[in-house]
ModelCIF file with pLDDT and N, C-alpha, C, O atoms, coordinates in Angstrom:
data_MODEL
#
_entry.id   MODEL 
#
_entity.id                         1 
_entity.type                       polymer 
_entity.pdbx_number_of_molecules   1 
#
_entity_poly.entity_id                      1 
_entity_poly.type                           'polypeptide(L)' 
_entity_poly.nstd_linkage                   no 
_entity_poly.nstd_monomer                   no 
_entity_poly.pdbx_seq_one_letter_code       GKAPEIQFHLHSVHGFTENEKQFENFNLNEKTRDLVFSTAVNQSSFSM 
_entity_poly.pdbx_seq_one_letter_code_can   GKAPEIQFHLHSVHGFTENEKQFENFNLNEKTRDLVFSTAVNQSSFSM 
_entity_poly.pdbx_strand_id                 A 
#
loop_
_entity_poly_seq.entity_id 
_entity_poly_seq.num 
_entity_poly_seq.mon_id 
_entity_poly_seq.hetero 
1 1  GLY n 
1 2  LYS n 
1 3  ALA n 
1 4  PRO n 
1 5  GLU n 
1 6  ILE n 
1 7  GLN n 
1 8  PHE n 
1 9  HIS n 
1 10 LEU n 
1 11 HIS n 
1 12 SER n 
1 13 VAL n 
1 14 HIS n 
1 15 GLY n 
1 16 PHE n 
1 17 THR n 
1 18 GLU n 
1 19 ASN n 
1 20 GLU n 
1 21 LYS n 
1 22 GLN n 
1 23 PHE n 
1 24 GLU n 
1 25 ASN n 
1 26 PHE n 
1 27 ASN n 
1 28 LEU n 
1 29 ASN n 
1 30 GLU n 
1 31 LYS n 
1 32 THR n 
1 33 ARG n 
1 34 ASP n 
1 35 LEU n 
1 36 VAL n 
1 37 PHE n 
1 38 SER n 
1 39 THR n 
1 40 ALA n 
1 41 VAL n 
1 42 ASN n 
1 43 GLN n 
1 44 SER n 
1 45 SER n 
1 46 PHE n 
1 47 SER n 
1 48 MET n 
#
_struct_asym.id          A 
_struct_asym.entity_id   1 
#
loop_
_ma_qa_metric.id 
_ma_qa_metric.mode 
_ma_qa_metric.name 
_ma_qa_metric.software_group_id 
_ma_qa_metric.type 
1 global pLDDT . pLDDT 
2 local  pLDDT . pLDDT 
#
_ma_qa_metric_global.metric_id      1 
_ma_qa_metric_global.metric_value   81.46 
_ma_qa_metric_global.model_id       1 
_ma_qa_metric_global.ordinal_id     1 
#
loop_
_ma_qa_metric_local.label_asym_id 
_ma_qa_metric_local.label_comp_id 
_ma_qa_metric_local.label_seq_id 
_ma_qa_metric_local.metric_id 
_ma_qa_metric_local.metric_value 
_ma_qa_metric_local.model_id 
_ma_qa_metric_local.ordinal_id 
A GLY 1  2 81.00 1 1  
A LYS 2  2 92.00 1 2  
A ALA 3  2 96.00 1 3  
A PRO 4  2 97.00 1 4  
A GLU 5  2 97.00 1 5  
A ILE 6  2 98.00 1 6  
A GLN 7  2 98.00 1 7  
A PHE 8  2 97.00 1 8  
A HIS 9  2 97.00 1 9  
A LEU 10 2 97.00 1 10 
A HIS 11 2 95.00 1 11 
A SER 12 2 95.00 1 12 
A VAL 13 2 90.00 1 13 
A HIS 14 2 84.00 1 14 
A GLY 15 2 70.00 1 15 
A PHE 16 2 53.00 1 16 
A THR 17 2 45.00 1 17 
A GLU 18 2 47.00 1 18 
A ASN 19 2 53.00 1 19 
A GLU 20 2 59.00 1 20 
A LYS 21 2 57.00 1 21 
A GLN 22 2 59.00 1 22 
A PHE 23 2 66.00 1 23 
A GLU 24 2 72.00 1 24 
A ASN 25 2 83.00 1 25 
A PHE 26 2 88.00 1 26 
A ASN 27 2 91.00 1 27 
A LEU 28 2 92.00 1 28 
A ASN 29 2 93.00 1 29 
A GLU 30 2 90.00 1 30 
A LYS 31 2 88.00 1 31 
A THR 32 2 90.00 1 32 
A ARG 33 2 86.00 1 33 
A ASP 34 2 84.00 1 34 
A LEU 35 2 83.00 1 35 
A VAL 36 2 77.00 1 36 
A PHE 37 2 74.00 1 37 
A SER 38 2 69.00 1 38 
A THR 39 2 65.00 1 39 
A ALA 40 2 65.00 1 40 
A VAL 41 2 69.00 1 41 
A ASN 42 2 75.00 1 42 
A GLN 43 2 84.00 1 43 
A SER 44 2 90.00 1 44 
A SER 45 2 92.00 1 45 
A PHE 46 2 95.00 1 46 
A SER 47 2 95.00 1 47 
A MET 48 2 97.00 1 48 
#
loop_
_atom_site.group_PDB 
_atom_site.id 
_atom_site.type_symbol 
_atom_site.label_atom_id 
_atom_site.label_alt_id 
_atom_site.label_comp_id 
_atom_site.label_asym_id 
_atom_site.label_entity_id 
_atom_site.label_seq_id 
_atom_site.pdbx_PDB_ins_code 
_atom_site.Cartn_x 
_atom_site.Cartn_y 
_atom_site.Cartn_z 
_atom_site.occupancy 
_atom_site.B_iso_or_equiv 
_atom_site.pdbx_formal_charge 
_atom_site.auth_seq_id 
_atom_site.auth_comp_id 
_atom_site.auth_asym_id 
_atom_site.auth_atom_id 
_atom_site.pdbx_PDB_model_num 
ATOM 1   N N  . GLY A 1 1  ? -9.577 57.326 143.619 1.00 81.00 ? 1  GLY A N  1 
ATOM 2   C CA . GLY A 1 1  ? -9.666 58.782 143.602 1.00 81.00 ? 1  GLY A CA 1 
ATOM 3   C C  . GLY A 1 1  ? -8.560 59.470 144.371 1.00 81.00 ? 1  GLY A C  1 
ATOM 4   O O  . GLY A 1 1  ? -8.785 60.513 144.985 1.00 81.00 ? 1  GLY A O  1 
ATOM 5   N N  . LYS A 1 2  ? -7.377 58.905 144.346 1.00 92.00 ? 2  LYS A N  1 
ATOM 6   C CA . LYS A 1 2  ? -6.287 59.372 145.198 1.00 92.00 ? 2  LYS A CA 1 
ATOM 7   C C  . LYS A 1 2  ? -5.155 59.961 144.374 1.00 92.00 ? 2  LYS A C  1 
ATOM 8   O O  . LYS A 1 2  ? -4.704 59.356 143.402 1.00 92.00 ? 2  LYS A O  1 
ATOM 9   N N  . ALA A 1 3  ? -4.698 61.147 144.770 1.00 96.00 ? 3  ALA A N  1 
ATOM 10  C CA . ALA A 1 3  ? -3.553 61.779 144.115 1.00 96.00 ? 3  ALA A CA 1 
ATOM 11  C C  . ALA A 1 3  ? -2.253 61.182 144.653 1.00 96.00 ? 3  ALA A C  1 
ATOM 12  O O  . ALA A 1 3  ? -2.241 60.655 145.765 1.00 96.00 ? 3  ALA A O  1 
ATOM 13  N N  . PRO A 1 4  ? -1.158 61.253 143.890 1.00 97.00 ? 4  PRO A N  1 
ATOM 14  C CA . PRO A 1 4  ? 0.126  60.743 144.382 1.00 97.00 ? 4  PRO A CA 1 
ATOM 15  C C  . PRO A 1 4  ? 0.660  61.591 145.523 1.00 97.00 ? 4  PRO A C  1 
ATOM 16  O O  . PRO A 1 4  ? 0.361  62.781 145.625 1.00 97.00 ? 4  PRO A O  1 
ATOM 17  N N  . GLU A 1 5  ? 1.453  60.961 146.378 1.00 97.00 ? 5  GLU A N  1 
ATOM 18  C CA . GLU A 1 5  ? 2.078  61.690 147.488 1.00 97.00 ? 5  GLU A CA 1 
ATOM 19  C C  . GLU A 1 5  ? 3.490  62.145 147.172 1.00 97.00 ? 5  GLU A C  1 
ATOM 20  O O  . GLU A 1 5  ? 4.014  63.052 147.818 1.00 97.00 ? 5  GLU A O  1 
ATOM 21  N N  . ILE A 1 6  ? 4.115  61.510 146.167 1.00 98.00 ? 6  ILE A N  1 
ATOM 22  C CA . ILE A 1 6  ? 5.542  61.745 145.902 1.00 98.00 ? 6  ILE A CA 1 
ATOM 23  C C  . ILE A 1 6  ? 5.756  62.042 144.418 1.00 98.00 ? 6  ILE A C  1 
ATOM 24  O O  . ILE A 1 6  ? 5.182  61.391 143.545 1.00 98.00 ? 6  ILE A O  1 
ATOM 25  N N  . GLN A 1 7  ? 6.585  63.029 144.163 1.00 98.00 ? 7  GLN A N  1 
ATOM 26  C CA . GLN A 1 7  ? 7.054  63.326 142.812 1.00 98.00 ? 7  GLN A CA 1 
ATOM 27  C C  . GLN A 1 7  ? 8.567  63.158 142.797 1.00 98.00 ? 7  GLN A C  1 
ATOM 28  O O  . GLN A 1 7  ? 9.231  63.415 143.801 1.00 98.00 ? 7  GLN A O  1 
ATOM 29  N N  . PHE A 1 8  ? 9.110  62.733 141.676 1.00 97.00 ? 8  PHE A N  1 
ATOM 30  C CA . PHE A 1 8  ? 10.559 62.683 141.504 1.00 97.00 ? 8  PHE A CA 1 
ATOM 31  C C  . PHE A 1 8  ? 10.970 63.625 140.379 1.00 97.00 ? 8  PHE A C  1 
ATOM 32  O O  . PHE A 1 8  ? 10.277 63.738 139.368 1.00 97.00 ? 8  PHE A O  1 
ATOM 33  N N  . HIS A 1 9  ? 12.101 64.298 140.564 1.00 97.00 ? 9  HIS A N  1 
ATOM 34  C CA . HIS A 1 9  ? 12.795 64.976 139.480 1.00 97.00 ? 9  HIS A CA 1 
ATOM 35  C C  . HIS A 1 9  ? 14.138 64.280 139.285 1.00 97.00 ? 9  HIS A C  1 
ATOM 36  O O  . HIS A 1 9  ? 14.809 63.928 140.256 1.00 97.00 ? 9  HIS A O  1 
ATOM 37  N N  . LEU A 1 10 ? 14.521 64.085 138.046 1.00 97.00 ? 10 LEU A N  1 
ATOM 38  C CA . LEU A 1 10 ? 15.858 63.606 137.714 1.00 97.00 ? 10 LEU A CA 1 
ATOM 39  C C  . LEU A 1 10 ? 16.681 64.806 137.279 1.00 97.00 ? 10 LEU A C  1 
ATOM 40  O O  . LEU A 1 10 ? 16.393 65.430 136.258 1.00 97.00 ? 10 LEU A O  1 
ATOM 41  N N  . HIS A 1 11 ? 17.718 65.129 138.066 1.00 95.00 ? 11 HIS A N  1 
ATOM 42  C CA . HIS A 1 11 ? 18.593 66.263 137.759 1.00 95.00 ? 11 HIS A CA 1 
ATOM 43  C C  . HIS A 1 11 ? 19.909 65.700 137.238 1.00 95.00 ? 11 HIS A C  1 
ATOM 44  O O  . HIS A 1 11 ? 20.658 65.062 137.977 1.00 95.00 ? 11 HIS A O  1 
ATOM 45  N N  . SER A 1 12 ? 20.180 65.942 135.964 1.00 95.00 ? 12 SER A N  1 
ATOM 46  C CA . SER A 1 12 ? 21.264 65.244 135.278 1.00 95.00 ? 12 SER A CA 1 
ATOM 47  C C  . SER A 1 12 ? 22.603 65.963 135.318 1.00 95.00 ? 12 SER A C  1 
ATOM 48  O O  . SER A 1 12 ? 23.520 65.603 134.580 1.00 95.00 ? 12 SER A O  1 
ATOM 49  N N  . VAL A 1 13 ? 22.730 66.976 136.171 1.00 90.00 ? 13 VAL A N  1 
ATOM 50  C CA . VAL A 1 13 ? 23.985 67.728 136.260 1.00 90.00 ? 13 VAL A CA 1 
ATOM 51  C C  . VAL A 1 13 ? 24.900 67.074 137.289 1.00 90.00 ? 13 VAL A C  1 
ATOM 52  O O  . VAL A 1 13 ? 24.467 66.746 138.393 1.00 90.00 ? 13 VAL A O  1 
ATOM 53  N N  . HIS A 1 14 ? 26.151 66.888 136.928 1.00 84.00 ? 14 HIS A N  1 
ATOM 54  C CA . HIS A 1 14 ? 27.116 66.208 137.786 1.00 84.00 ? 14 HIS A CA 1 
ATOM 55  C C  . HIS A 1 14 ? 27.517 67.046 138.990 1.00 84.00 ? 14 HIS A C  1 
ATOM 56  O O  . HIS A 1 14 ? 27.738 68.253 138.890 1.00 84.00 ? 14 HIS A O  1 
ATOM 57  N N  . GLY A 1 15 ? 27.603 66.376 140.119 1.00 70.00 ? 15 GLY A N  1 
ATOM 58  C CA . GLY A 1 15 ? 28.329 66.880 141.283 1.00 70.00 ? 15 GLY A CA 1 
ATOM 59  C C  . GLY A 1 15 ? 27.736 68.092 141.954 1.00 70.00 ? 15 GLY A C  1 
ATOM 60  O O  . GLY A 1 15 ? 26.682 68.591 141.560 1.00 70.00 ? 15 GLY A O  1 
ATOM 61  N N  . PHE A 1 16 ? 28.432 68.559 142.982 1.00 53.00 ? 16 PHE A N  1 
ATOM 62  C CA . PHE A 1 16 ? 27.959 69.664 143.790 1.00 53.00 ? 16 PHE A CA 1 
ATOM 63  C C  . PHE A 1 16 ? 28.961 70.800 143.781 1.00 53.00 ? 16 PHE A C  1 
ATOM 64  O O  . PHE A 1 16 ? 28.564 71.961 143.873 1.00 53.00 ? 16 PHE A O  1 
ATOM 65  N N  . THR A 1 17 ? 30.242 70.506 143.674 1.00 45.00 ? 17 THR A N  1 
ATOM 66  C CA . THR A 1 17 ? 31.180 71.591 143.420 1.00 45.00 ? 17 THR A CA 1 
ATOM 67  C C  . THR A 1 17 ? 30.952 72.120 142.006 1.00 45.00 ? 17 THR A C  1 
ATOM 68  O O  . THR A 1 17 ? 31.153 73.307 141.750 1.00 45.00 ? 17 THR A O  1 
ATOM 69  N N  . GLU A 1 18 ? 30.536 71.252 141.087 1.00 47.00 ? 18 GLU A N  1 
ATOM 70  C CA . GLU A 1 18 ? 30.251 71.673 139.711 1.00 47.00 ? 18 GLU A CA 1 
ATOM 71  C C  . GLU A 1 18 ? 28.970 72.501 139.646 1.00 47.00 ? 18 GLU A C  1 
ATOM 72  O O  . GLU A 1 18 ? 28.797 73.325 138.748 1.00 47.00 ? 18 GLU A O  1 
ATOM 73  N N  . ASN A 1 19 ? 28.077 72.274 140.606 1.00 53.00 ? 19 ASN A N  1 
ATOM 74  C CA . ASN A 1 19 ? 26.774 72.936 140.587 1.00 53.00 ? 19 ASN A CA 1 
ATOM 75  C C  . ASN A 1 19 ? 26.658 73.866 141.795 1.00 53.00 ? 19 ASN A C  1 
ATOM 76  O O  . ASN A 1 19 ? 25.601 73.970 142.417 1.00 53.00 ? 19 ASN A O  1 
ATOM 77  N N  . GLU A 1 20 ? 27.767 74.537 142.113 1.00 59.00 ? 20 GLU A N  1 
ATOM 78  C CA . GLU A 1 20 ? 27.852 75.299 143.361 1.00 59.00 ? 20 GLU A CA 1 
ATOM 79  C C  . GLU A 1 20 ? 26.845 76.428 143.422 1.00 59.00 ? 20 GLU A C  1 
ATOM 80  O O  . GLU A 1 20 ? 26.306 76.710 144.492 1.00 59.00 ? 20 GLU A O  1 
ATOM 81  N N  . LYS A 1 21 ? 26.578 77.078 142.307 1.00 57.00 ? 21 LYS A N  1 
ATOM 82  C CA . LYS A 1 21 ? 25.652 78.207 142.339 1.00 57.00 ? 21 LYS A CA 1 
ATOM 83  C C  . LYS A 1 21 ? 24.277 77.785 142.847 1.00 57.00 ? 21 LYS A C  1 
ATOM 84  O O  . LYS A 1 21 ? 23.652 78.500 143.630 1.00 57.00 ? 21 LYS A O  1 
ATOM 85  N N  . GLN A 1 22 ? 23.804 76.607 142.392 1.00 59.00 ? 22 GLN A N  1 
ATOM 86  C CA . GLN A 1 22 ? 22.495 76.143 142.845 1.00 59.00 ? 22 GLN A CA 1 
ATOM 87  C C  . GLN A 1 22 ? 22.483 75.971 144.353 1.00 59.00 ? 22 GLN A C  1 
ATOM 88  O O  . GLN A 1 22 ? 21.505 76.331 145.009 1.00 59.00 ? 22 GLN A O  1 
ATOM 89  N N  . PHE A 1 23 ? 23.546 75.431 144.905 1.00 66.00 ? 23 PHE A N  1 
ATOM 90  C CA . PHE A 1 23 ? 23.561 75.198 146.349 1.00 66.00 ? 23 PHE A CA 1 
ATOM 91  C C  . PHE A 1 23 ? 23.801 76.482 147.135 1.00 66.00 ? 23 PHE A C  1 
ATOM 92  O O  . PHE A 1 23 ? 23.363 76.586 148.281 1.00 66.00 ? 23 PHE A O  1 
ATOM 93  N N  . GLU A 1 24 ? 24.478 77.449 146.554 1.00 72.00 ? 24 GLU A N  1 
ATOM 94  C CA . GLU A 1 24 ? 24.580 78.762 147.195 1.00 72.00 ? 24 GLU A CA 1 
ATOM 95  C C  . GLU A 1 24 ? 23.194 79.367 147.389 1.00 72.00 ? 24 GLU A C  1 
ATOM 96  O O  . GLU A 1 24 ? 22.944 80.068 148.369 1.00 72.00 ? 24 GLU A O  1 
ATOM 97  N N  . ASN A 1 25 ? 22.307 79.093 146.455 1.00 83.00 ? 25 ASN A N  1 
ATOM 98  C CA . ASN A 1 25 ? 20.957 79.639 146.535 1.00 83.00 ? 25 ASN A CA 1 
ATOM 99  C C  . ASN A 1 25 ? 20.158 79.068 147.699 1.00 83.00 ? 25 ASN A C  1 
ATOM 100 O O  . ASN A 1 25 ? 19.114 79.613 148.058 1.00 83.00 ? 25 ASN A O  1 
ATOM 101 N N  . PHE A 1 26 ? 20.631 77.989 148.288 1.00 88.00 ? 26 PHE A N  1 
ATOM 102 C CA . PHE A 1 26 ? 19.899 77.346 149.380 1.00 88.00 ? 26 PHE A CA 1 
ATOM 103 C C  . PHE A 1 26 ? 20.257 77.908 150.748 1.00 88.00 ? 26 PHE A C  1 
ATOM 104 O O  . PHE A 1 26 ? 19.749 77.419 151.757 1.00 88.00 ? 26 PHE A O  1 
ATOM 105 N N  . ASN A 1 27 ? 21.118 78.923 150.812 1.00 91.00 ? 27 ASN A N  1 
ATOM 106 C CA . ASN A 1 27 ? 21.422 79.590 152.081 1.00 91.00 ? 27 ASN A CA 1 
ATOM 107 C C  . ASN A 1 27 ? 22.140 78.667 153.068 1.00 91.00 ? 27 ASN A C  1 
ATOM 108 O O  . ASN A 1 27 ? 21.871 78.712 154.269 1.00 91.00 ? 27 ASN A O  1 
ATOM 109 N N  . LEU A 1 28 ? 23.040 77.845 152.570 1.00 92.00 ? 28 LEU A N  1 
ATOM 110 C CA . LEU A 1 28 ? 23.763 76.915 153.436 1.00 92.00 ? 28 LEU A CA 1 
ATOM 111 C C  . LEU A 1 28 ? 24.604 77.667 154.461 1.00 92.00 ? 28 LEU A C  1 
ATOM 112 O O  . LEU A 1 28 ? 25.201 78.700 154.156 1.00 92.00 ? 28 LEU A O  1 
ATOM 113 N N  . ASN A 1 29 ? 24.643 77.138 155.669 1.00 93.00 ? 29 ASN A N  1 
ATOM 114 C CA . ASN A 1 29 ? 25.503 77.747 156.680 1.00 93.00 ? 29 ASN A CA 1 
ATOM 115 C C  . ASN A 1 29 ? 26.967 77.399 156.399 1.00 93.00 ? 29 ASN A C  1 
ATOM 116 O O  . ASN A 1 29 ? 27.264 76.551 155.558 1.00 93.00 ? 29 ASN A O  1 
ATOM 117 N N  . GLU A 1 30 ? 27.868 78.062 157.112 1.00 90.00 ? 30 GLU A N  1 
ATOM 118 C CA . GLU A 1 30 ? 29.303 77.935 156.809 1.00 90.00 ? 30 GLU A CA 1 
ATOM 119 C C  . GLU A 1 30 ? 29.799 76.499 156.981 1.00 90.00 ? 30 GLU A C  1 
ATOM 120 O O  . GLU A 1 30 ? 30.569 75.997 156.161 1.00 90.00 ? 30 GLU A O  1 
ATOM 121 N N  . LYS A 1 31 ? 29.358 75.854 158.036 1.00 88.00 ? 31 LYS A N  1 
ATOM 122 C CA . LYS A 1 31 ? 29.788 74.475 158.271 1.00 88.00 ? 31 LYS A CA 1 
ATOM 123 C C  . LYS A 1 31 ? 29.382 73.573 157.110 1.00 88.00 ? 31 LYS A C  1 
ATOM 124 O O  . LYS A 1 31 ? 30.173 72.757 156.638 1.00 88.00 ? 31 LYS A O  1 
ATOM 125 N N  . THR A 1 32 ? 28.148 73.729 156.660 1.00 90.00 ? 32 THR A N  1 
ATOM 126 C CA . THR A 1 32 ? 27.658 72.877 155.571 1.00 90.00 ? 32 THR A CA 1 
ATOM 127 C C  . THR A 1 32 ? 28.369 73.204 154.272 1.00 90.00 ? 32 THR A C  1 
ATOM 128 O O  . THR A 1 32 ? 28.734 72.298 153.522 1.00 90.00 ? 32 THR A O  1 
ATOM 129 N N  . ARG A 1 33 ? 28.572 74.485 153.994 1.00 86.00 ? 33 ARG A N  1 
ATOM 130 C CA . ARG A 1 33 ? 29.286 74.868 152.780 1.00 86.00 ? 33 ARG A CA 1 
ATOM 131 C C  . ARG A 1 33 ? 30.681 74.264 152.757 1.00 86.00 ? 33 ARG A C  1 
ATOM 132 O O  . ARG A 1 33 ? 31.112 73.717 151.743 1.00 86.00 ? 33 ARG A O  1 
ATOM 133 N N  . ASP A 1 34 ? 31.379 74.366 153.872 1.00 84.00 ? 34 ASP A N  1 
ATOM 134 C CA . ASP A 1 34 ? 32.737 73.821 153.923 1.00 84.00 ? 34 ASP A CA 1 
ATOM 135 C C  . ASP A 1 34 ? 32.722 72.316 153.656 1.00 84.00 ? 34 ASP A C  1 
ATOM 136 O O  . ASP A 1 34 ? 33.602 71.778 152.984 1.00 84.00 ? 34 ASP A O  1 
ATOM 137 N N  . LEU A 1 35 ? 31.716 71.662 154.192 1.00 83.00 ? 35 LEU A N  1 
ATOM 138 C CA . LEU A 1 35 ? 31.626 70.219 154.025 1.00 83.00 ? 35 LEU A CA 1 
ATOM 139 C C  . LEU A 1 35 ? 31.275 69.849 152.590 1.00 83.00 ? 35 LEU A C  1 
ATOM 140 O O  . LEU A 1 35 ? 31.905 68.978 151.991 1.00 83.00 ? 35 LEU A O  1 
ATOM 141 N N  . VAL A 1 36 ? 30.270 70.517 152.047 1.00 77.00 ? 36 VAL A N  1 
ATOM 142 C CA . VAL A 1 36 ? 29.775 70.156 150.721 1.00 77.00 ? 36 VAL A CA 1 
ATOM 143 C C  . VAL A 1 36 ? 30.779 70.501 149.631 1.00 77.00 ? 36 VAL A C  1 
ATOM 144 O O  . VAL A 1 36 ? 30.946 69.737 148.681 1.00 77.00 ? 36 VAL A O  1 
ATOM 145 N N  . PHE A 1 37 ? 31.449 71.638 149.756 1.00 74.00 ? 37 PHE A N  1 
ATOM 146 C CA . PHE A 1 37 ? 32.298 72.118 148.676 1.00 74.00 ? 37 PHE A CA 1 
ATOM 147 C C  . PHE A 1 37 ? 33.792 71.901 148.908 1.00 74.00 ? 37 PHE A C  1 
ATOM 148 O O  . PHE A 1 37 ? 34.609 72.281 148.069 1.00 74.00 ? 37 PHE A O  1 
ATOM 149 N N  . SER A 1 38 ? 34.155 71.295 150.036 1.00 69.00 ? 38 SER A N  1 
ATOM 150 C CA . SER A 1 38 ? 35.580 71.131 150.328 1.00 69.00 ? 38 SER A CA 1 
ATOM 151 C C  . SER A 1 38 ? 36.228 70.041 149.493 1.00 69.00 ? 38 SER A C  1 
ATOM 152 O O  . SER A 1 38 ? 37.421 70.099 149.197 1.00 69.00 ? 38 SER A O  1 
ATOM 153 N N  . THR A 1 39 ? 35.432 69.044 149.116 1.00 65.00 ? 39 THR A N  1 
ATOM 154 C CA . THR A 1 39 ? 35.979 67.907 148.390 1.00 65.00 ? 39 THR A CA 1 
ATOM 155 C C  . THR A 1 39 ? 35.220 67.718 147.091 1.00 65.00 ? 39 THR A C  1 
ATOM 156 O O  . THR A 1 39 ? 33.997 67.581 147.097 1.00 65.00 ? 39 THR A O  1 
ATOM 157 N N  . ALA A 1 40 ? 35.928 67.711 145.990 1.00 65.00 ? 40 ALA A N  1 
ATOM 158 C CA . ALA A 1 40 ? 35.277 67.509 144.695 1.00 65.00 ? 40 ALA A CA 1 
ATOM 159 C C  . ALA A 1 40 ? 34.770 66.080 144.588 1.00 65.00 ? 40 ALA A C  1 
ATOM 160 O O  . ALA A 1 40 ? 35.399 65.143 145.080 1.00 65.00 ? 40 ALA A O  1 
ATOM 161 N N  . VAL A 1 41 ? 33.621 65.928 143.935 1.00 69.00 ? 41 VAL A N  1 
ATOM 162 C CA . VAL A 1 41 ? 33.103 64.595 143.640 1.00 69.00 ? 41 VAL A CA 1 
ATOM 163 C C  . VAL A 1 41 ? 33.701 64.191 142.296 1.00 69.00 ? 41 VAL A C  1 
ATOM 164 O O  . VAL A 1 41 ? 33.205 64.580 141.239 1.00 69.00 ? 41 VAL A O  1 
ATOM 165 N N  . ASN A 1 42 ? 34.775 63.405 142.355 1.00 75.00 ? 42 ASN A N  1 
ATOM 166 C CA . ASN A 1 42 ? 35.496 63.084 141.133 1.00 75.00 ? 42 ASN A CA 1 
ATOM 167 C C  . ASN A 1 42 ? 34.736 62.092 140.269 1.00 75.00 ? 42 ASN A C  1 
ATOM 168 O O  . ASN A 1 42 ? 34.813 62.147 139.042 1.00 75.00 ? 42 ASN A O  1 
ATOM 169 N N  . GLN A 1 43 ? 34.004 61.188 140.903 1.00 84.00 ? 43 GLN A N  1 
ATOM 170 C CA . GLN A 1 43 ? 33.256 60.215 140.143 1.00 84.00 ? 43 GLN A CA 1 
ATOM 171 C C  . GLN A 1 43 ? 32.007 60.872 139.566 1.00 84.00 ? 43 GLN A C  1 
ATOM 172 O O  . GLN A 1 43 ? 31.391 61.726 140.205 1.00 84.00 ? 43 GLN A O  1 
ATOM 173 N N  . SER A 1 44 ? 31.645 60.472 138.367 1.00 90.00 ? 44 SER A N  1 
ATOM 174 C CA . SER A 1 44 ? 30.468 61.016 137.709 1.00 90.00 ? 44 SER A CA 1 
ATOM 175 C C  . SER A 1 44 ? 29.233 60.831 138.583 1.00 90.00 ? 44 SER A C  1 
ATOM 176 O O  . SER A 1 44 ? 29.100 59.818 139.269 1.00 90.00 ? 44 SER A O  1 
ATOM 177 N N  . SER A 1 45 ? 28.323 61.816 138.557 1.00 92.00 ? 45 SER A N  1 
ATOM 178 C CA . SER A 1 45 ? 27.142 61.742 139.422 1.00 92.00 ? 45 SER A CA 1 
ATOM 179 C C  . SER A 1 45 ? 25.960 62.498 138.832 1.00 92.00 ? 45 SER A C  1 
ATOM 180 O O  . SER A 1 45 ? 26.109 63.331 137.938 1.00 92.00 ? 45 SER A O  1 
ATOM 181 N N  . PHE A 1 46 ? 24.791 62.185 139.357 1.00 95.00 ? 46 PHE A N  1 
ATOM 182 C CA . PHE A 1 46 ? 23.571 62.931 139.070 1.00 95.00 ? 46 PHE A CA 1 
ATOM 183 C C  . PHE A 1 46 ? 22.753 62.945 140.357 1.00 95.00 ? 46 PHE A C  1 
ATOM 184 O O  . PHE A 1 46 ? 23.204 62.430 141.381 1.00 95.00 ? 46 PHE A O  1 
ATOM 185 N N  . SER A 1 47 ? 21.563 63.524 140.318 1.00 95.00 ? 47 SER A N  1 
ATOM 186 C CA . SER A 1 47 ? 20.747 63.606 141.532 1.00 95.00 ? 47 SER A CA 1 
ATOM 187 C C  . SER A 1 47 ? 19.337 63.115 141.276 1.00 95.00 ? 47 SER A C  1 
ATOM 188 O O  . SER A 1 47 ? 18.760 63.348 140.214 1.00 95.00 ? 47 SER A O  1 
ATOM 189 N N  . MET A 1 48 ? 18.793 62.429 142.273 1.00 97.00 ? 48 MET A N  1 
ATOM 190 C CA . MET A 1 48 ? 17.372 62.127 142.318 1.00 97.00 ? 48 MET A CA 1 
ATOM 191 C C  . MET A 1 48 ? 16.743 63.014 143.380 1.00 97.00 ? 48 MET A C  1 
ATOM 192 O O  . MET A 1 48 ? 15.535 62.944 143.607 1.00 97.00 ? 48 MET A O  1 
#
């Protein structure tokens, strides 16, 4: 009679510079923004 504790979403969009608008919505501070968006993720990627 137990519900799960964890859910997963598979987000199939590549990278974080490519998906910058989504991360802007998270209210990142300046240090984090500079870190996350300063270097492009050249290798193909997705998110779990």
